[in-house]
Amino acid sequence: MSDSQFKTVAIAGGTGTLGYAIAEAFLNDGSYNVKILRRKPENENEKAKLLASKGAEIVYADYSQHDDLVKALKGTDVVVSTLNFDPKGAGFYDSQAPLLAAAKDASVKRFIPSEYGAKFKTGTHVLIDDKIKFGEEVEKSGLEYTYIYVGLFQEYFGWLGYDIKNKKATFYDDGSKIFPTTSLHDIGKYTVETLKIPEARNGHINVAGANLSLNEYLEIFEKVTGEYIFYLIFISH
C-alpha cells in the first residue's frame, strides 16, 4: 500500500473513456484501494467487469439521493470525478454538485474535479464557464483539490482531420501551429502521481505529452508506419 495519507480512491465515471484509463492506472499502480462509482440502477457493463477482475470494487449509488451517495463514499480518501456533461441535461456543474456535497459529508480528503481540458478564462464558453463555476464550489468546500489540465486526447486525432484508414489528412488551419496533446494513458498515470506529490495539494497540474504542430504529428506517423499520407491544407480566415 502507499505511504501517503490516501488509501482509498473512488472514481466517478470510471467506466467512461477517460475514467476507465484513470481507473486502470490506479489499479496498475497497486498502492490504493479503488472504488468505481456507478449510477443506480445496477446494470451489466463490460468495463466494470474488467475493472472488478483487476481488483476494483464496483459501488452503485443514486446521485439524486444524498444519503445514498454519502454511504457509497464512506471510507474514501480521494474522489476523482470524470463525469461528463449531458448535452440534453446536466452540465459539468449540475452533474458534479451532488458528488461534491456527498464527498464533504463522507469526510473525503481530496476532490479532483472533472477538468481534464485546457485552462480558459471565464466568459469563454458555456461549458468552460460551468467548469469554472463548479471549481469555485470545490475551493469553498474545505476539501483539498487538484485541477488537472491536459492537451487534446491523442486517441482522438480524427477530430483534427487525420484519416488514417485512407491515408489522408485534411487540415482546416495552418499546419504549423503548435498545440499540446496528451494520451489517455498519461492522463491516468499523472492523476495517480498527483496523490504522491505535495505540490498537487490545492494545485493546478498541466500534463502535455507533446507540444507539436499538425505537420510534425504527420511526420511522426509517416516515420513510424513507413506510410506516406497525402494531405490537403485548408487555411481558415
Protein backbone atom coordinates (compact mmCIF):
# COMPACT_ATOMS: atom_id res chain seq x y z
CA MET A 1 0.00 0.00 0.00
CA SER A 2 1.01 3.64 -0.42
CA ASP A 3 2.81 5.50 2.34
CA SER A 4 0.75 8.61 1.59
CA GLN A 5 -2.23 9.76 3.59
CA PHE A 6 -4.50 8.40 0.88
CA LYS A 7 -5.56 4.75 0.87
CA THR A 8 -8.90 4.56 -0.95
CA VAL A 9 -9.82 6.28 -4.20
CA ALA A 10 -13.32 6.47 -5.69
CA ILE A 11 -13.60 7.19 -9.41
CA ALA A 12 -16.92 8.61 -10.56
CA GLY A 13 -17.47 7.75 -14.20
CA GLY A 14 -14.82 5.04 -14.07
CA THR A 15 -16.32 3.07 -16.95
CA GLY A 16 -16.23 6.00 -19.35
CA THR A 17 -13.40 6.56 -21.84
CA LEU A 18 -11.24 8.78 -19.62
CA GLY A 19 -12.46 7.30 -16.33
CA TYR A 20 -11.50 3.80 -17.41
CA ALA A 21 -7.96 4.91 -18.27
CA ILE A 22 -7.61 6.55 -14.87
CA ALA A 23 -9.08 3.53 -13.07
CA GLU A 24 -6.63 1.22 -14.84
CA ALA A 25 -3.74 3.49 -13.86
CA PHE A 26 -4.68 3.32 -10.17
CA LEU A 27 -5.08 -0.45 -10.33
CA ASN A 28 -1.76 -0.87 -12.15
CA ASP A 29 -0.04 1.31 -9.57
CA GLY A 30 -1.25 -1.06 -6.85
CA SER A 31 -0.93 1.46 -4.00
CA TYR A 32 -4.62 2.18 -3.46
CA ASN A 33 -7.97 0.57 -2.87
CA VAL A 34 -10.05 1.51 -5.89
CA LYS A 35 -13.82 2.06 -5.96
CA ILE A 36 -15.68 2.56 -9.23
CA LEU A 37 -18.74 4.68 -8.51
CA ARG A 38 -21.62 3.88 -10.86
CA ARG A 39 -25.15 5.21 -11.02
CA LYS A 40 -28.11 3.09 -10.00
CA PRO A 41 -29.86 1.02 -11.20
CA GLU A 42 -27.25 -1.73 -11.44
CA ASN A 43 -26.65 -3.00 -14.95
CA GLU A 44 -24.24 -5.16 -16.92
CA ASN A 45 -21.12 -3.35 -18.07
CA GLU A 46 -18.08 -4.98 -19.64
CA LYS A 47 -15.66 -2.31 -18.46
CA ALA A 48 -16.96 -2.63 -14.90
CA LYS A 49 -16.41 -6.39 -15.08
CA LEU A 50 -12.86 -5.91 -16.31
CA LEU A 51 -12.04 -3.43 -13.56
CA ALA A 52 -13.58 -5.71 -10.93
CA SER A 53 -11.46 -8.60 -12.22
CA LYS A 54 -8.39 -6.44 -11.60
CA GLY A 55 -9.39 -5.71 -8.03
CA ALA A 56 -11.69 -2.71 -8.15
CA GLU A 57 -14.82 -2.52 -6.01
CA ILE A 58 -17.91 -1.56 -8.02
CA VAL A 59 -20.22 0.65 -5.96
CA TYR A 60 -23.66 1.81 -7.07
CA ALA A 61 -25.38 4.95 -5.82
CA ASP A 62 -28.38 7.12 -6.61
CA TYR A 63 -26.93 10.56 -7.32
CA SER A 64 -30.27 12.17 -6.57
CA GLN A 65 -30.24 10.72 -3.03
CA HIS A 66 -27.68 12.48 -0.86
CA ASP A 67 -27.62 9.85 1.89
CA ASP A 68 -27.14 7.03 -0.61
CA LEU A 69 -24.20 8.86 -2.21
CA VAL A 70 -22.64 9.59 1.18
CA LYS A 71 -22.93 5.92 2.11
CA ALA A 72 -21.20 4.91 -1.12
CA LEU A 73 -18.31 7.28 -0.40
CA LYS A 74 -17.77 6.33 3.25
CA GLY A 75 -14.17 5.31 3.81
CA THR A 76 -12.99 7.11 0.67
CA ASP A 77 -9.98 9.42 0.86
CA VAL A 78 -9.99 10.80 -2.67
CA VAL A 79 -12.80 11.30 -5.18
CA VAL A 80 -11.74 11.53 -8.82
CA SER A 81 -14.58 12.87 -10.95
CA THR A 82 -14.58 12.08 -14.65
CA LEU A 83 -18.27 12.87 -15.03
CA ASN A 84 -19.12 14.44 -18.34
CA PHE A 85 -21.80 16.94 -19.22
CA ASP A 86 -25.07 15.76 -20.69
CA PRO A 87 -25.88 17.68 -23.92
CA LYS A 88 -29.60 17.21 -23.16
CA GLY A 89 -29.41 17.67 -19.40
CA ALA A 90 -26.93 18.44 -16.65
CA GLY A 91 -23.77 20.41 -17.31
CA PHE A 92 -20.45 19.96 -15.55
CA TYR A 93 -21.73 21.86 -12.51
CA ASP A 94 -25.03 20.05 -12.03
CA SER A 95 -23.56 16.61 -12.72
CA GLN A 96 -20.84 17.01 -10.08
CA ALA A 97 -22.50 19.13 -7.37
CA PRO A 98 -24.22 16.16 -5.65
CA LEU A 99 -20.91 14.28 -5.67
CA LEU A 100 -19.06 17.17 -4.03
CA ALA A 101 -21.73 17.61 -1.33
CA ALA A 102 -21.65 13.90 -0.53
CA ALA A 103 -17.84 13.85 -0.51
CA LYS A 104 -17.79 16.58 2.10
CA ASP A 105 -20.28 14.78 4.36
CA ALA A 106 -18.43 11.48 3.89
CA SER A 107 -15.19 13.10 5.18
CA VAL A 108 -13.36 12.69 1.87
CA LYS A 109 -9.95 14.40 1.99
CA ARG A 110 -9.39 15.43 -1.63
CA PHE A 111 -11.64 16.07 -4.62
CA ILE A 112 -10.31 16.05 -8.19
CA PRO A 113 -12.95 17.67 -10.43
CA SER A 114 -13.70 16.68 -14.00
CA GLU A 115 -11.45 19.28 -15.59
CA TYR A 116 -9.11 17.40 -17.96
CA GLY A 117 -9.08 20.11 -20.57
CA ALA A 118 -7.22 23.31 -21.38
CA LYS A 119 -7.33 26.22 -18.97
CA PHE A 120 -9.56 29.08 -20.11
CA LYS A 121 -10.76 32.35 -18.69
CA THR A 122 -14.39 32.80 -17.68
CA GLY A 123 -16.72 34.06 -20.38
CA THR A 124 -15.08 31.85 -23.00
CA HIS A 125 -17.75 29.18 -23.45
CA VAL A 126 -20.80 27.94 -21.59
CA LEU A 127 -19.14 24.57 -20.84
CA ILE A 128 -15.94 26.22 -19.64
CA ASP A 129 -17.88 28.66 -17.51
CA ASP A 130 -19.72 25.70 -15.98
CA LYS A 131 -16.39 24.10 -15.03
CA ILE A 132 -15.16 27.35 -13.51
CA LYS A 133 -18.37 27.75 -11.53
CA PHE A 134 -18.02 24.25 -10.13
CA GLY A 135 -14.35 24.84 -9.36
CA GLU A 136 -15.34 27.77 -7.18
CA GLU A 137 -17.62 25.44 -5.20
CA VAL A 138 -14.81 22.90 -4.81
CA GLU A 139 -12.49 25.54 -3.41
CA LYS A 140 -15.16 26.76 -0.97
CA SER A 141 -15.93 23.22 0.21
CA GLY A 142 -12.94 22.97 2.53
CA LEU A 143 -11.72 19.81 0.80
CA GLU A 144 -8.29 19.57 -0.75
CA TYR A 145 -8.40 19.72 -4.53
CA THR A 146 -6.27 19.27 -7.63
CA TYR A 147 -7.03 20.56 -11.11
CA ILE A 148 -5.53 18.54 -13.95
CA TYR A 149 -5.22 20.27 -17.33
CA VAL A 150 -4.34 18.28 -20.45
CA GLY A 151 -3.99 18.68 -24.19
CA LEU A 152 -6.21 17.21 -26.88
CA PHE A 153 -6.56 13.46 -26.35
CA GLN A 154 -4.14 11.77 -28.74
CA GLU A 155 -6.62 8.94 -29.25
CA TYR A 156 -8.97 11.39 -30.97
CA PHE A 157 -6.70 12.73 -33.70
CA GLY A 158 -9.50 12.03 -36.16
CA TRP A 159 -11.09 15.23 -34.90
CA LEU A 160 -8.11 17.13 -36.33
CA GLY A 161 -8.63 15.79 -39.83
CA TYR A 162 -6.43 12.69 -39.76
CA ASP A 163 -8.00 9.87 -41.76
CA ILE A 164 -5.60 7.00 -41.02
CA LYS A 165 -7.62 4.37 -42.89
CA ASN A 166 -7.49 6.28 -46.14
CA LYS A 167 -4.00 7.71 -45.52
CA LYS A 168 -5.18 11.27 -45.80
CA ALA A 169 -5.12 14.32 -43.57
CA THR A 170 -7.21 17.40 -44.12
CA PHE A 171 -6.26 20.41 -42.02
CA TYR A 172 -8.61 23.33 -41.62
CA ASP A 173 -6.00 25.69 -40.25
CA ASP A 174 -2.30 26.41 -40.52
CA GLY A 175 -0.49 23.08 -40.13
CA SER A 176 2.50 24.76 -38.49
CA LYS A 177 0.66 25.91 -35.36
CA ILE A 178 1.86 24.17 -32.19
CA PHE A 179 -0.58 22.77 -29.63
CA PRO A 180 -0.46 20.26 -26.74
CA THR A 181 -1.76 16.70 -26.85
CA THR A 182 -1.92 14.03 -24.14
CA SER A 183 -2.62 10.31 -24.27
CA LEU A 184 -5.28 8.76 -22.03
CA HIS A 185 -2.56 6.51 -20.60
CA ASP A 186 -0.50 9.52 -19.49
CA ILE A 187 -3.52 11.28 -18.03
CA GLY A 188 -4.23 8.22 -15.91
CA LYS A 189 -0.62 7.88 -14.83
CA TYR A 190 -0.24 11.50 -13.78
CA THR A 191 -3.58 11.56 -11.99
CA VAL A 192 -2.17 8.80 -9.79
CA GLU A 193 1.07 10.71 -9.31
CA THR A 194 -0.75 13.83 -8.07
CA LEU A 195 -1.56 11.94 -4.87
CA LYS A 196 2.14 11.45 -4.20
CA ILE A 197 3.50 14.98 -4.59
CA PRO A 198 2.93 17.81 -2.08
CA GLU A 199 2.72 20.40 -4.89
CA ALA A 200 -0.57 18.89 -6.10
CA ARG A 201 -2.40 19.78 -2.88
CA ASN A 202 -4.74 22.63 -3.85
CA GLY A 203 -2.69 22.87 -7.02
CA HIS A 204 -3.01 23.08 -10.79
CA ILE A 205 -1.21 20.36 -12.77
CA ASN A 206 -0.51 20.58 -16.51
CA VAL A 207 0.01 17.31 -18.39
CA ALA A 208 1.14 17.62 -22.01
CA GLY A 209 2.55 14.53 -23.68
CA ALA A 210 3.73 16.56 -26.67
CA ASN A 211 3.74 20.12 -27.99
CA LEU A 212 3.93 19.78 -31.74
CA SER A 213 2.27 21.07 -34.90
CA LEU A 214 -0.13 19.18 -37.14
CA ASN A 215 2.65 18.83 -39.69
CA GLU A 216 5.04 17.40 -37.08
CA TYR A 217 2.47 14.85 -35.89
CA LEU A 218 2.03 13.88 -39.53
CA GLU A 219 5.79 13.41 -39.97
CA ILE A 220 5.95 11.19 -36.88
CA PHE A 221 3.14 8.98 -38.17
CA GLU A 222 4.87 8.59 -41.53
CA LYS A 223 8.19 7.72 -39.87
CA VAL A 224 6.70 5.15 -37.51
CA THR A 225 4.42 3.43 -40.04
CA GLY A 226 6.52 3.83 -43.17
CA GLU A 227 3.37 5.09 -44.87
CA TYR A 228 3.03 8.41 -46.64
CA ILE A 229 -0.16 10.35 -46.05
CA PHE A 230 -1.30 12.63 -48.83
CA TYR A 231 -2.85 15.66 -47.24
CA LEU A 232 -4.57 18.90 -48.07
CA ILE A 233 -4.39 22.06 -46.02
CA PHE A 234 -7.25 24.50 -45.94
CA ILE A 235 -6.47 27.79 -44.21
CA SER A 236 -9.38 29.32 -42.29
CA HIS A 237 -9.89 33.07 -42.33
